[in-house]
Amino acid sequence: MVSYEEKMLEKGDIDQAAMVRNINIAFSSILFDQSSILLGKTREWELLRGVYNNRLNKITNDKDDFQLMGPLLRGIEKQICTKRCEEVINLEKKKGIGKDTIKIY
């Protein structure tokens, strides 16, 4: 993202460069917050372990920001969620867990 910001500055597109910088700051502040799931770790660790933080979606609430970053964040979310779901399904199959074996108390 920093190199993209630099390219925008070279082109003279100050507004686009500022938008990218603001997104970078917001993204970084989320990633380096303390995790409430992985104690003693940051939210970056959560993302690396496949936990998607919905605060990332709020970065792109602005229409222009969404056009720039929305597809990237949605792709990250999809890859993480899809991979985690597939892993859970595989673990359940190995342990013989299926829809018919789950009991809700």
PDB file of N, CA and C in Angstrom:
ATOM      1  N   MET A   1       0.811  -1.191   0.000  1.00  0.00           N
ATOM      2  CA  MET A   1       0.000   0.000   0.000  1.00  0.00           C
ATOM      3  C   MET A   1       0.858   1.260   0.000  1.00  0.00           C
ATOM      4  N   VAL A   2       2.007   1.216   0.659  1.00  0.00           N
ATOM      5  CA  VAL A   2       2.870   2.391   0.692  1.00  0.00           C
ATOM      6  C   VAL A   2       3.369   2.695  -0.711  1.00  0.00           C
ATOM      7  N   SER A   3       3.739   1.649  -1.459  1.00  0.00           N
ATOM      8  CA  SER A   3       4.216   1.888  -2.823  1.00  0.00           C
ATOM      9  C   SER A   3       3.096   2.439  -3.701  1.00  0.00           C
ATOM     10  N   TYR A   4       1.857   2.023  -3.447  1.00  0.00           N
ATOM     11  CA  TYR A   4       0.722   2.563  -4.199  1.00  0.00           C
ATOM     12  C   TYR A   4       0.544   4.040  -3.878  1.00  0.00           C
ATOM     13  N   GLU A   5       0.694   4.383  -2.609  1.00  0.00           N
ATOM     14  CA  GLU A   5       0.603   5.788  -2.193  1.00  0.00           C
ATOM     15  C   GLU A   5       1.688   6.606  -2.894  1.00  0.00           C
ATOM     16  N   GLU A   6       2.899   6.068  -2.947  1.00  0.00           N
ATOM     17  CA  GLU A   6       3.998   6.771  -3.603  1.00  0.00           C
ATOM     18  C   GLU A   6       3.721   6.971  -5.093  1.00  0.00           C
ATOM     19  N   LYS A   7       3.136   5.963  -5.745  1.00  0.00           N
ATOM     20  CA  LYS A   7       2.788   6.097  -7.167  1.00  0.00           C
ATOM     21  C   LYS A   7       1.758   7.190  -7.377  1.00  0.00           C
ATOM     22  N   MET A   8       0.787   7.259  -6.459  1.00  0.00           N
ATOM     23  CA  MET A   8      -0.239   8.301  -6.573  1.00  0.00           C
ATOM     24  C   MET A   8       0.389   9.690  -6.405  1.00  0.00           C
ATOM     25  N   LEU A   9       1.339   9.824  -5.503  1.00  0.00           N
ATOM     26  CA  LEU A   9       2.020  11.100  -5.302  1.00  0.00           C
ATOM     27  C   LEU A   9       2.843  11.481  -6.533  1.00  0.00           C
ATOM     28  N   GLU A  10       3.506  10.486  -7.139  1.00  0.00           N
ATOM     29  CA  GLU A  10       4.285  10.748  -8.350  1.00  0.00           C
ATOM     30  C   GLU A  10       3.391  11.233  -9.487  1.00  0.00           C
ATOM     31  N   LYS A  11       2.176  10.690  -9.564  1.00  0.00           N
ATOM     32  CA  LYS A  11       1.228  11.112 -10.595  1.00  0.00           C
ATOM     33  C   LYS A  11       0.605  12.470 -10.277  1.00  0.00           C
ATOM     34  N   GLY A  12       0.784  12.912  -9.039  1.00  0.00           N
ATOM     35  CA  GLY A  12       0.186  14.182  -8.641  1.00  0.00           C
ATOM     36  C   GLY A  12      -1.231  14.038  -8.114  1.00  0.00           C
ATOM     37  N   ASP A  13      -1.651  12.811  -7.854  1.00  0.00           N
ATOM     38  CA  ASP A  13      -3.007  12.561  -7.334  1.00  0.00           C
ATOM     39  C   ASP A  13      -2.972  12.588  -5.809  1.00  0.00           C
ATOM     40  N   ILE A  14      -2.952  13.790  -5.273  1.00  0.00           N
ATOM     41  CA  ILE A  14      -2.807  14.002  -3.828  1.00  0.00           C
ATOM     42  C   ILE A  14      -3.987  13.407  -3.057  1.00  0.00           C
ATOM     43  N   ASP A  15      -5.203  13.576  -3.585  1.00  0.00           N
ATOM     44  CA  ASP A  15      -6.394  13.071  -2.891  1.00  0.00           C
ATOM     45  C   ASP A  15      -6.358  11.551  -2.759  1.00  0.00           C
ATOM     46  N   GLN A  16      -6.015  10.866  -3.840  1.00  0.00           N
ATOM     47  CA  GLN A  16      -5.941   9.402  -3.821  1.00  0.00           C
ATOM     48  C   GLN A  16      -4.836   8.939  -2.870  1.00  0.00           C
ATOM     49  N   ALA A  17      -3.709   9.629  -2.872  1.00  0.00           N
ATOM     50  CA  ALA A  17      -2.601   9.282  -1.984  1.00  0.00           C
ATOM     51  C   ALA A  17      -3.013   9.466  -0.522  1.00  0.00           C
ATOM     52  N   ALA A  18      -3.740  10.529  -0.225  1.00  0.00           N
ATOM     53  CA  ALA A  18      -4.208  10.771   1.143  1.00  0.00           C
ATOM     54  C   ALA A  18      -5.192   9.693   1.573  1.00  0.00           C
ATOM     55  N   MET A  19      -6.047   9.268   0.642  1.00  0.00           N
ATOM     56  CA  MET A  19      -7.013   8.214   0.943  1.00  0.00           C
ATOM     57  C   MET A  19      -6.282   6.910   1.282  1.00  0.00           C
ATOM     58  N   VAL A  20      -5.280   6.570   0.496  1.00  0.00           N
ATOM     59  CA  VAL A  20      -4.508   5.356   0.741  1.00  0.00           C
ATOM     60  C   VAL A  20      -3.781   5.450   2.085  1.00  0.00           C
ATOM     61  N   ARG A  21      -3.227   6.627   2.398  1.00  0.00           N
ATOM     62  CA  ARG A  21      -2.533   6.815   3.671  1.00  0.00           C
ATOM     63  C   ARG A  21      -3.500   6.625   4.840  1.00  0.00           C
ATOM     64  N   ASN A  22      -4.696   7.187   4.740  1.00  0.00           N
ATOM     65  CA  ASN A  22      -5.683   7.034   5.811  1.00  0.00           C
ATOM     66  C   ASN A  22      -6.093   5.574   5.993  1.00  0.00           C
ATOM     67  N   ILE A  23      -6.244   4.858   4.899  1.00  0.00           N
ATOM     68  CA  ILE A  23      -6.587   3.438   4.975  1.00  0.00           C
ATOM     69  C   ILE A  23      -5.443   2.664   5.620  1.00  0.00           C
ATOM     70  N   ASN A  24      -4.205   2.994   5.236  1.00  0.00           N
ATOM     71  CA  ASN A  24      -3.033   2.346   5.844  1.00  0.00           C
ATOM     72  C   ASN A  24      -3.008   2.542   7.353  1.00  0.00           C
ATOM     73  N   ILE A  25      -3.276   3.756   7.789  1.00  0.00           N
ATOM     74  CA  ILE A  25      -3.257   4.060   9.220  1.00  0.00           C
ATOM     75  C   ILE A  25      -4.351   3.282   9.936  1.00  0.00           C
ATOM     76  N   ALA A  26      -5.558   3.282   9.373  1.00  0.00           N
ATOM     77  CA  ALA A  26      -6.677   2.557   9.996  1.00  0.00           C
ATOM     78  C   ALA A  26      -6.392   1.053  10.042  1.00  0.00           C
ATOM     79  N   PHE A  27      -5.893   0.512   8.946  1.00  0.00           N
ATOM     80  CA  PHE A  27      -5.586  -0.919   8.862  1.00  0.00           C
ATOM     81  C   PHE A  27      -4.517  -1.292   9.894  1.00  0.00           C
ATOM     82  N   SER A  28      -3.464  -0.478   9.965  1.00  0.00           N
ATOM     83  CA  SER A  28      -2.380  -0.751  10.911  1.00  0.00           C
ATOM     84  C   SER A  28      -2.855  -0.653  12.350  1.00  0.00           C
ATOM     85  N   SER A  29      -3.689   0.340  12.640  1.00  0.00           N
ATOM     86  CA  SER A  29      -4.149   0.492  14.026  1.00  0.00           C
ATOM     87  C   SER A  29      -4.995  -0.702  14.459  1.00  0.00           C
ATOM     88  N   ILE A  30      -5.749  -1.286  13.537  1.00  0.00           N
ATOM     89  CA  ILE A  30      -6.530  -2.484  13.862  1.00  0.00           C
ATOM     90  C   ILE A  30      -5.593  -3.666  14.090  1.00  0.00           C
ATOM     91  N   LEU A  31      -4.655  -3.867  13.183  1.00  0.00           N
ATOM     92  CA  LEU A  31      -3.775  -5.034  13.267  1.00  0.00           C
ATOM     93  C   LEU A  31      -2.888  -5.035  14.499  1.00  0.00           C
ATOM     94  N   PHE A  32      -2.519  -3.860  14.994  1.00  0.00           N
ATOM     95  CA  PHE A  32      -1.596  -3.816  16.120  1.00  0.00           C
ATOM     96  C   PHE A  32      -2.285  -3.595  17.460  1.00  0.00           C
ATOM     97  N   ASP A  33      -3.624  -3.605  17.472  1.00  0.00           N
ATOM     98  CA  ASP A  33      -4.372  -3.621  18.732  1.00  0.00           C
ATOM     99  C   ASP A  33      -4.159  -4.968  19.414  1.00  0.00           C
ATOM    100  N   GLN A  34      -4.351  -4.984  20.720  1.00  0.00           N
ATOM    101  CA  GLN A  34      -4.248  -6.247  21.461  1.00  0.00           C
ATOM    102  C   GLN A  34      -5.431  -7.146  21.121  1.00  0.00           C
ATOM    103  N   SER A  35      -5.163  -8.413  20.943  1.00  0.00           N
ATOM    104  CA  SER A  35      -6.192  -9.400  20.650  1.00  0.00           C
ATOM    105  C   SER A  35      -6.970  -9.731  21.913  1.00  0.00           C
ATOM    106  N   SER A  36      -8.272  -9.879  21.760  1.00  0.00           N
ATOM    107  CA  SER A  36      -9.081 -10.333  22.890  1.00  0.00           C
ATOM    108  C   SER A  36      -9.276 -11.856  22.816  1.00  0.00           C
ATOM    109  N   ILE A  37      -8.822 -12.454  21.740  1.00  0.00           N
ATOM    110  CA  ILE A  37      -8.951 -13.897  21.543  1.00  0.00           C
ATOM    111  C   ILE A  37      -7.635 -14.597  21.870  1.00  0.00           C
ATOM    112  N   LEU A  38      -6.541 -14.095  21.325  1.00  0.00           N
ATOM    113  CA  LEU A  38      -5.215 -14.671  21.551  1.00  0.00           C
ATOM    114  C   LEU A  38      -4.493 -13.777  22.557  1.00  0.00           C
ATOM    115  N   LEU A  39      -4.571 -14.126  23.814  1.00  0.00           N
ATOM    116  CA  LEU A  39      -4.029 -13.288  24.879  1.00  0.00           C
ATOM    117  C   LEU A  39      -2.528 -13.074  24.714  1.00  0.00           C
ATOM    118  N   GLY A  40      -2.106 -11.826  24.858  1.00  0.00           N
ATOM    119  CA  GLY A  40      -0.703 -11.475  24.715  1.00  0.00           C
ATOM    120  C   GLY A  40      -0.266 -11.289  23.278  1.00  0.00           C
ATOM    121  N   LYS A  41      -1.188 -11.395  22.348  1.00  0.00           N
ATOM    122  CA  LYS A  41      -0.870 -11.235  20.925  1.00  0.00           C
ATOM    123  C   LYS A  41      -1.650 -10.049  20.364  1.00  0.00           C
ATOM    124  N   THR A  42      -1.337  -9.685  19.129  1.00  0.00           N
ATOM    125  CA  THR A  42      -2.046  -8.598  18.461  1.00  0.00           C
ATOM    126  C   THR A  42      -3.116  -9.170  17.530  1.00  0.00           C
ATOM    127  N   ARG A  43      -3.929  -8.283  16.993  1.00  0.00           N
ATOM    128  CA  ARG A  43      -4.946  -8.707  16.032  1.00  0.00           C
ATOM    129  C   ARG A  43      -4.307  -9.197  14.727  1.00  0.00           C
ATOM    130  N   GLU A  44      -3.074  -8.802  14.503  1.00  0.00           N
ATOM    131  CA  GLU A  44      -2.328  -9.333  13.359  1.00  0.00           C
ATOM    132  C   GLU A  44      -2.220 -10.851  13.486  1.00  0.00           C
ATOM    133  N   TRP A  45      -1.963 -11.324  14.704  1.00  0.00           N
ATOM    134  CA  TRP A  45      -1.887 -12.772  14.956  1.00  0.00           C
ATOM    135  C   TRP A  45      -3.233 -13.421  14.676  1.00  0.00           C
ATOM    136  N   GLU A  46      -4.313 -12.732  15.048  1.00  0.00           N
ATOM    137  CA  GLU A  46      -5.649 -13.274  14.769  1.00  0.00           C
ATOM    138  C   GLU A  46      -5.809 -13.490  13.269  1.00  0.00           C
ATOM    139  N   LEU A  47      -5.459 -12.462  12.497  1.00  0.00           N
ATOM    140  CA  LEU A  47      -5.614 -12.551  11.045  1.00  0.00           C
ATOM    141  C   LEU A  47      -4.749 -13.672  10.479  1.00  0.00           C
ATOM    142  N   LEU A  48      -3.522 -13.799  10.996  1.00  0.00           N
ATOM    143  CA  LEU A  48      -2.642 -14.871  10.533  1.00  0.00           C
ATOM    144  C   LEU A  48      -3.166 -16.259  10.901  1.00  0.00           C
ATOM    145  N   ARG A  49      -3.948 -16.331  11.971  1.00  0.00           N
ATOM    146  CA  ARG A  49      -4.510 -17.611  12.414  1.00  0.00           C
ATOM    147  C   ARG A  49      -5.905 -17.859  11.835  1.00  0.00           C
ATOM    148  N   GLY A  50      -6.359 -16.948  10.995  1.00  0.00           N
ATOM    149  CA  GLY A  50      -7.636 -17.169  10.326  1.00  0.00           C
ATOM    150  C   GLY A  50      -8.831 -16.540  11.001  1.00  0.00           C
ATOM    151  N   VAL A  51      -8.612 -15.601  11.904  1.00  0.00           N
ATOM    152  CA  VAL A  51      -9.725 -14.903  12.550  1.00  0.00           C
ATOM    153  C   VAL A  51      -9.867 -13.554  11.858  1.00  0.00           C
ATOM    154  N   TYR A  52     -10.993 -13.340  11.200  1.00  0.00           N
ATOM    155  CA  TYR A  52     -11.224 -12.086  10.479  1.00  0.00           C
ATOM    156  C   TYR A  52     -11.929 -11.104  11.401  1.00  0.00           C
ATOM    157  N   ASN A  53     -11.387  -9.906  11.519  1.00  0.00           N
ATOM    158  CA  ASN A  53     -11.961  -8.884  12.385  1.00  0.00           C
ATOM    159  C   ASN A  53     -12.887  -7.995  11.561  1.00  0.00           C
ATOM    160  N   ASN A  54     -14.137  -7.901  11.964  1.00  0.00           N
ATOM    161  CA  ASN A  54     -15.116  -7.097  11.227  1.00  0.00           C
ATOM    162  C   ASN A  54     -14.794  -5.608  11.218  1.00  0.00           C
ATOM    163  N   ARG A  55     -13.918  -5.162  12.111  1.00  0.00           N
ATOM    164  CA  ARG A  55     -13.516  -3.755  12.078  1.00  0.00           C
ATOM    165  C   ARG A  55     -12.827  -3.412  10.763  1.00  0.00           C
ATOM    166  N   LEU A  56     -12.258  -4.410  10.099  1.00  0.00           N
ATOM    167  CA  LEU A  56     -11.632  -4.163   8.802  1.00  0.00           C
ATOM    168  C   LEU A  56     -12.669  -3.706   7.783  1.00  0.00           C
ATOM    169  N   ASN A  57     -13.905  -4.193   7.904  1.00  0.00           N
ATOM    170  CA  ASN A  57     -14.962  -3.768   6.984  1.00  0.00           C
ATOM    171  C   ASN A  57     -15.292  -2.298   7.145  1.00  0.00           C
ATOM    172  N   LYS A  58     -15.169  -1.771   8.353  1.00  0.00           N
ATOM    173  CA  LYS A  58     -15.535  -0.385   8.620  1.00  0.00           C
ATOM    174  C   LYS A  58     -14.533   0.597   8.026  1.00  0.00           C
ATOM    175  N   ILE A  59     -13.363   0.124   7.663  1.00  0.00           N
ATOM    176  CA  ILE A  59     -12.375   0.991   7.015  1.00  0.00           C
ATOM    177  C   ILE A  59     -12.948   1.508   5.702  1.00  0.00           C
ATOM    178  N   THR A  60     -13.741   0.696   5.058  1.00  0.00           N
ATOM    179  CA  THR A  60     -14.220   1.022   3.711  1.00  0.00           C
ATOM    180  C   THR A  60     -15.664   1.516   3.708  1.00  0.00           C
ATOM    181  N   ASN A  61     -16.118   2.159   4.767  1.00  0.00           N
ATOM    182  CA  ASN A  61     -17.482   2.691   4.793  1.00  0.00           C
ATOM    183  C   ASN A  61     -17.679   3.817   3.794  1.00  0.00           C
ATOM    184  N   ASP A  62     -16.659   4.613   3.551  1.00  0.00           N
ATOM    185  CA  ASP A  62     -16.737   5.695   2.579  1.00  0.00           C
ATOM    186  C   ASP A  62     -16.745   5.108   1.169  1.00  0.00           C
ATOM    187  N   LYS A  63     -17.563   5.669   0.287  1.00  0.00           N
ATOM    188  CA  LYS A  63     -17.719   5.121  -1.076  1.00  0.00           C
ATOM    189  C   LYS A  63     -16.389   5.068  -1.837  1.00  0.00           C
ATOM    190  N   ASP A  64     -15.609   6.134  -1.751  1.00  0.00           N
ATOM    191  CA  ASP A  64     -14.321   6.153  -2.460  1.00  0.00           C
ATOM    192  C   ASP A  64     -13.342   5.145  -1.872  1.00  0.00           C
ATOM    193  N   ASP A  65     -13.322   5.068  -0.542  1.00  0.00           N
ATOM    194  CA  ASP A  65     -12.458   4.088   0.115  1.00  0.00           C
ATOM    195  C   ASP A  65     -12.853   2.673  -0.283  1.00  0.00           C
ATOM    196  N   PHE A  66     -14.153   2.432  -0.356  1.00  0.00           N
ATOM    197  CA  PHE A  66     -14.631   1.096  -0.711  1.00  0.00           C
ATOM    198  C   PHE A  66     -14.182   0.711  -2.110  1.00  0.00           C
ATOM    199  N   GLN A  67     -14.269   1.650  -3.042  1.00  0.00           N
ATOM    200  CA  GLN A  67     -13.838   1.345  -4.412  1.00  0.00           C
ATOM    201  C   GLN A  67     -12.365   0.981  -4.452  1.00  0.00           C
ATOM    202  N   LEU A  68     -11.588   1.605  -3.580  1.00  0.00           N
ATOM    203  CA  LEU A  68     -10.157   1.350  -3.558  1.00  0.00           C
ATOM    204  C   LEU A  68      -9.816   0.061  -2.811  1.00  0.00           C
ATOM    205  N   MET A  69     -10.382  -0.124  -1.609  1.00  0.00           N
ATOM    206  CA  MET A  69      -9.974  -1.219  -0.734  1.00  0.00           C
ATOM    207  C   MET A  69     -10.992  -2.335  -0.570  1.00  0.00           C
ATOM    208  N   GLY A  70     -12.240  -2.066  -0.874  1.00  0.00           N
ATOM    209  CA  GLY A  70     -13.285  -3.058  -0.657  1.00  0.00           C
ATOM    210  C   GLY A  70     -12.988  -4.423  -1.238  1.00  0.00           C
ATOM    211  N   PRO A  71     -12.657  -4.495  -2.521  1.00  0.00           N
ATOM    212  CA  PRO A  71     -12.381  -5.813  -3.116  1.00  0.00           C
ATOM    213  C   PRO A  71     -11.236  -6.558  -2.429  1.00  0.00           C
ATOM    214  N   LEU A  72     -10.211  -5.836  -2.015  1.00  0.00           N
ATOM    215  CA  LEU A  72      -9.086  -6.474  -1.332  1.00  0.00           C
ATOM    216  C   LEU A  72      -9.523  -7.055   0.006  1.00  0.00           C
ATOM    217  N   LEU A  73     -10.235  -6.262   0.801  1.00  0.00           N
ATOM    218  CA  LEU A  73     -10.681  -6.745   2.110  1.00  0.00           C
ATOM    219  C   LEU A  73     -11.681  -7.882   1.986  1.00  0.00           C
ATOM    220  N   ARG A  74     -12.559  -7.809   1.017  1.00  0.00           N
ATOM    221  CA  ARG A  74     -13.529  -8.893   0.818  1.00  0.00           C
ATOM    222  C   ARG A  74     -12.818 -10.171   0.399  1.00  0.00           C
ATOM    223  N   GLY A  75     -11.764 -10.033  -0.399  1.00  0.00           N
ATOM    224  CA  GLY A  75     -10.977 -11.201  -0.808  1.00  0.00           C
ATOM    225  C   GLY A  75     -10.272 -11.842   0.373  1.00  0.00           C
ATOM    226  N   ILE A  76      -9.712 -11.016   1.254  1.00  0.00           N
ATOM    227  CA  ILE A  76      -9.054 -11.533   2.456  1.00  0.00           C
ATOM    228  C   ILE A  76     -10.070 -12.275   3.306  1.00  0.00           C
ATOM    229  N   GLU A  77     -11.231 -11.640   3.519  1.00  0.00           N
ATOM    230  CA  GLU A  77     -12.276 -12.260   4.337  1.00  0.00           C
ATOM    231  C   GLU A  77     -12.713 -13.601   3.746  1.00  0.00           C
ATOM    232  N   LYS A  78     -12.919 -13.619   2.437  1.00  0.00           N
ATOM    233  CA  LYS A  78     -13.383 -14.842   1.787  1.00  0.00           C
ATOM    234  C   LYS A  78     -12.347 -15.953   1.897  1.00  0.00           C
ATOM    235  N   GLN A  79     -11.080 -15.623   1.674  1.00  0.00           N
ATOM    236  CA  GLN A  79     -10.032 -16.637   1.757  1.00  0.00           C
ATOM    237  C   GLN A  79      -9.909 -17.192   3.168  1.00  0.00           C
ATOM    238  N   ILE A  80      -9.965 -16.320   4.153  1.00  0.00           N
ATOM    239  CA  ILE A  80      -9.835 -16.771   5.536  1.00  0.00           C
ATOM    240  C   ILE A  80     -11.026 -17.632   5.925  1.00  0.00           C
ATOM    241  N   CYS A  81     -12.230 -17.134   5.678  1.00  0.00           N
ATOM    242  CA  CYS A  81     -13.429 -17.874   6.080  1.00  0.00           C
ATOM    243  C   CYS A  81     -13.548 -19.196   5.346  1.00  0.00           C
ATOM    244  N   THR A  82     -13.287 -19.188   4.053  1.00  0.00           N
ATOM    245  CA  THR A  82     -13.380 -20.413   3.266  1.00  0.00           C
ATOM    246  C   THR A  82     -12.385 -21.450   3.757  1.00  0.00           C
ATOM    247  N   LYS A  83     -11.155 -21.027   3.981  1.00  0.00           N
ATOM    248  CA  LYS A  83     -10.118 -21.953   4.438  1.00  0.00           C
ATOM    249  C   LYS A  83     -10.464 -22.527   5.813  1.00  0.00           C
ATOM    250  N   ARG A  84     -10.913 -21.677   6.731  1.00  0.00           N
ATOM    251  CA  ARG A  84     -11.267 -22.151   8.076  1.00  0.00           C
ATOM    252  C   ARG A  84     -12.431 -23.121   8.008  1.00  0.00           C
ATOM    253  N   CYS A  85     -13.443 -22.800   7.206  1.00  0.00           N
ATOM    254  CA  CYS A  85     -14.607 -23.694   7.095  1.00  0.00           C
ATOM    255  C   CYS A  85     -14.194 -25.052   6.545  1.00  0.00           C
ATOM    256  N   GLU A  86     -13.350 -25.055   5.531  1.00  0.00           N
ATOM    257  CA  GLU A  86     -12.889 -26.312   4.953  1.00  0.00           C
ATOM    258  C   GLU A  86     -12.103 -27.131   5.978  1.00  0.00           C
ATOM    259  N   GLU A  87     -11.279 -26.464   6.771  1.00  0.00           N
ATOM    260  CA  GLU A  87     -10.500 -27.171   7.790  1.00  0.00           C
ATOM    261  C   GLU A  87     -11.409 -27.768   8.860  1.00  0.00           C
ATOM    262  N   VAL A  88     -12.420 -27.025   9.277  1.00  0.00           N
ATOM    263  CA  VAL A  88     -13.360 -27.527  10.279  1.00  0.00           C
ATOM    264  C   VAL A  88     -14.129 -28.723   9.720  1.00  0.00           C
ATOM    265  N   ILE A  89     -14.568 -28.632   8.496  1.00  0.00           N
ATOM    266  CA  ILE A  89     -15.298 -29.739   7.871  1.00  0.00           C
ATOM    267  C   ILE A  89     -14.419 -30.987   7.814  1.00  0.00           C
ATOM    268  N   ASN A  90     -13.159 -30.824   7.425  1.00  0.00           N
ATOM    269  CA  ASN A  90     -12.236 -31.966   7.363  1.00  0.00           C
ATOM    270  C   ASN A  90     -12.012 -32.576   8.741  1.00  0.00           C
ATOM    271  N   LEU A  91     -11.840 -31.732   9.766  1.00  0.00           N
ATOM    272  CA  LEU A  91     -11.673 -32.244  11.131  1.00  0.00           C
ATOM    273  C   LEU A  91     -12.919 -32.996  11.601  1.00  0.00           C
ATOM    274  N   GLU A  92     -14.087 -32.457  11.295  1.00  0.00           N
ATOM    275  CA  GLU A  92     -15.336 -33.113  11.690  1.00  0.00           C
ATOM    276  C   GLU A  92     -15.481 -34.465  11.004  1.00  0.00           C
ATOM    277  N   LYS A  93     -15.117 -34.540   9.718  1.00  0.00           N
ATOM    278  CA  LYS A  93     -15.198 -35.809   8.990  1.00  0.00           C
ATOM    279  C   LYS A  93     -14.264 -36.850   9.600  1.00  0.00           C
ATOM    280  N   LYS A  94     -13.042 -36.424   9.955  1.00  0.00           N
ATOM    281  CA  LYS A  94     -12.083 -37.345  10.556  1.00  0.00           C
ATOM    282  C   LYS A  94     -12.587 -37.896  11.884  1.00  0.00           C
ATOM    283  N   LYS A  95     -13.325 -37.078  12.621  1.00  0.00           N
ATOM    284  CA  LYS A  95     -13.829 -37.497  13.932  1.00  0.00           C
ATOM    285  C   LYS A  95     -15.228 -38.102  13.848  1.00  0.00           C
ATOM    286  N   GLY A  96     -15.764 -38.196  12.629  1.00  0.00           N
ATOM    287  CA  GLY A  96     -17.088 -38.789  12.454  1.00  0.00           C
ATOM    288  C   GLY A  96     -18.231 -37.895  12.909  1.00  0.00           C
ATOM    289  N   ILE A  97     -17.994 -36.615  12.911  1.00  0.00           N
ATOM    290  CA  ILE A  97     -19.030 -35.667  13.323  1.00  0.00           C
ATOM    291  C   ILE A  97     -19.768 -35.177  12.092  1.00  0.00           C
ATOM    292  N   GLY A  98     -21.064 -35.246  12.139  1.00  0.00           N
ATOM    293  CA  GLY A  98     -21.893 -34.767  11.039  1.00  0.00           C
ATOM    294  C   GLY A  98     -23.125 -34.062  11.577  1.00  0.00           C
ATOM    295  N   LYS A  99     -23.995 -33.648  10.683  1.00  0.00           N
ATOM    296  CA  LYS A  99     -25.214 -32.952  11.094  1.00  0.00           C
ATOM    297  C   LYS A  99     -26.071 -33.811  12.019  1.00  0.00           C
ATOM    298  N   ASP A 100     -26.080 -35.095  11.763  1.00  0.00           N
ATOM    299  CA  ASP A 100     -26.931 -35.991  12.555  1.00  0.00           C
ATOM    300  C   ASP A 100     -26.334 -36.310  13.926  1.00  0.00           C
ATOM    301  N   THR A 101     -25.041 -36.008  14.148  1.00  0.00           N
ATOM    302  CA  THR A 101     -24.430 -36.326  15.445  1.00  0.00           C
ATOM    303  C   THR A 101     -24.360 -35.125  16.394  1.00  0.00           C
ATOM    304  N   ILE A 102     -24.694 -33.971  15.899  1.00  0.00           N
ATOM    305  CA  ILE A 102     -24.631 -32.763  16.731  1.00  0.00           C
ATOM    306  C   ILE A 102     -25.912 -32.638  17.540  1.00  0.00           C
ATOM    307  N   LYS A 103     -25.747 -32.488  18.847  1.00  0.00           N
ATOM    308  CA  LYS A 103     -26.894 -32.316  19.739  1.00  0.00           C
ATOM    309  C   LYS A 103     -26.832 -30.940  20.354  1.00  0.00           C
ATOM    310  N   ILE A 104     -27.921 -30.252  20.341  1.00  0.00           N
ATOM    311  CA  ILE A 104     -28.005 -28.935  20.949  1.00  0.00           C
ATOM    312  C   ILE A 104     -28.707 -29.078  22.284  1.00  0.00           C
ATOM    313  N   TYR A 105     -28.085 -28.587  23.318  1.00  0.00           N
ATOM    314  CA  TYR A 105     -28.652 -28.713  24.677  1.00  0.00           C
ATOM    315  C   TYR A 105     -29.354 -27.459  25.078  1.00  0.00           C
TER     316      TYR A 105
END
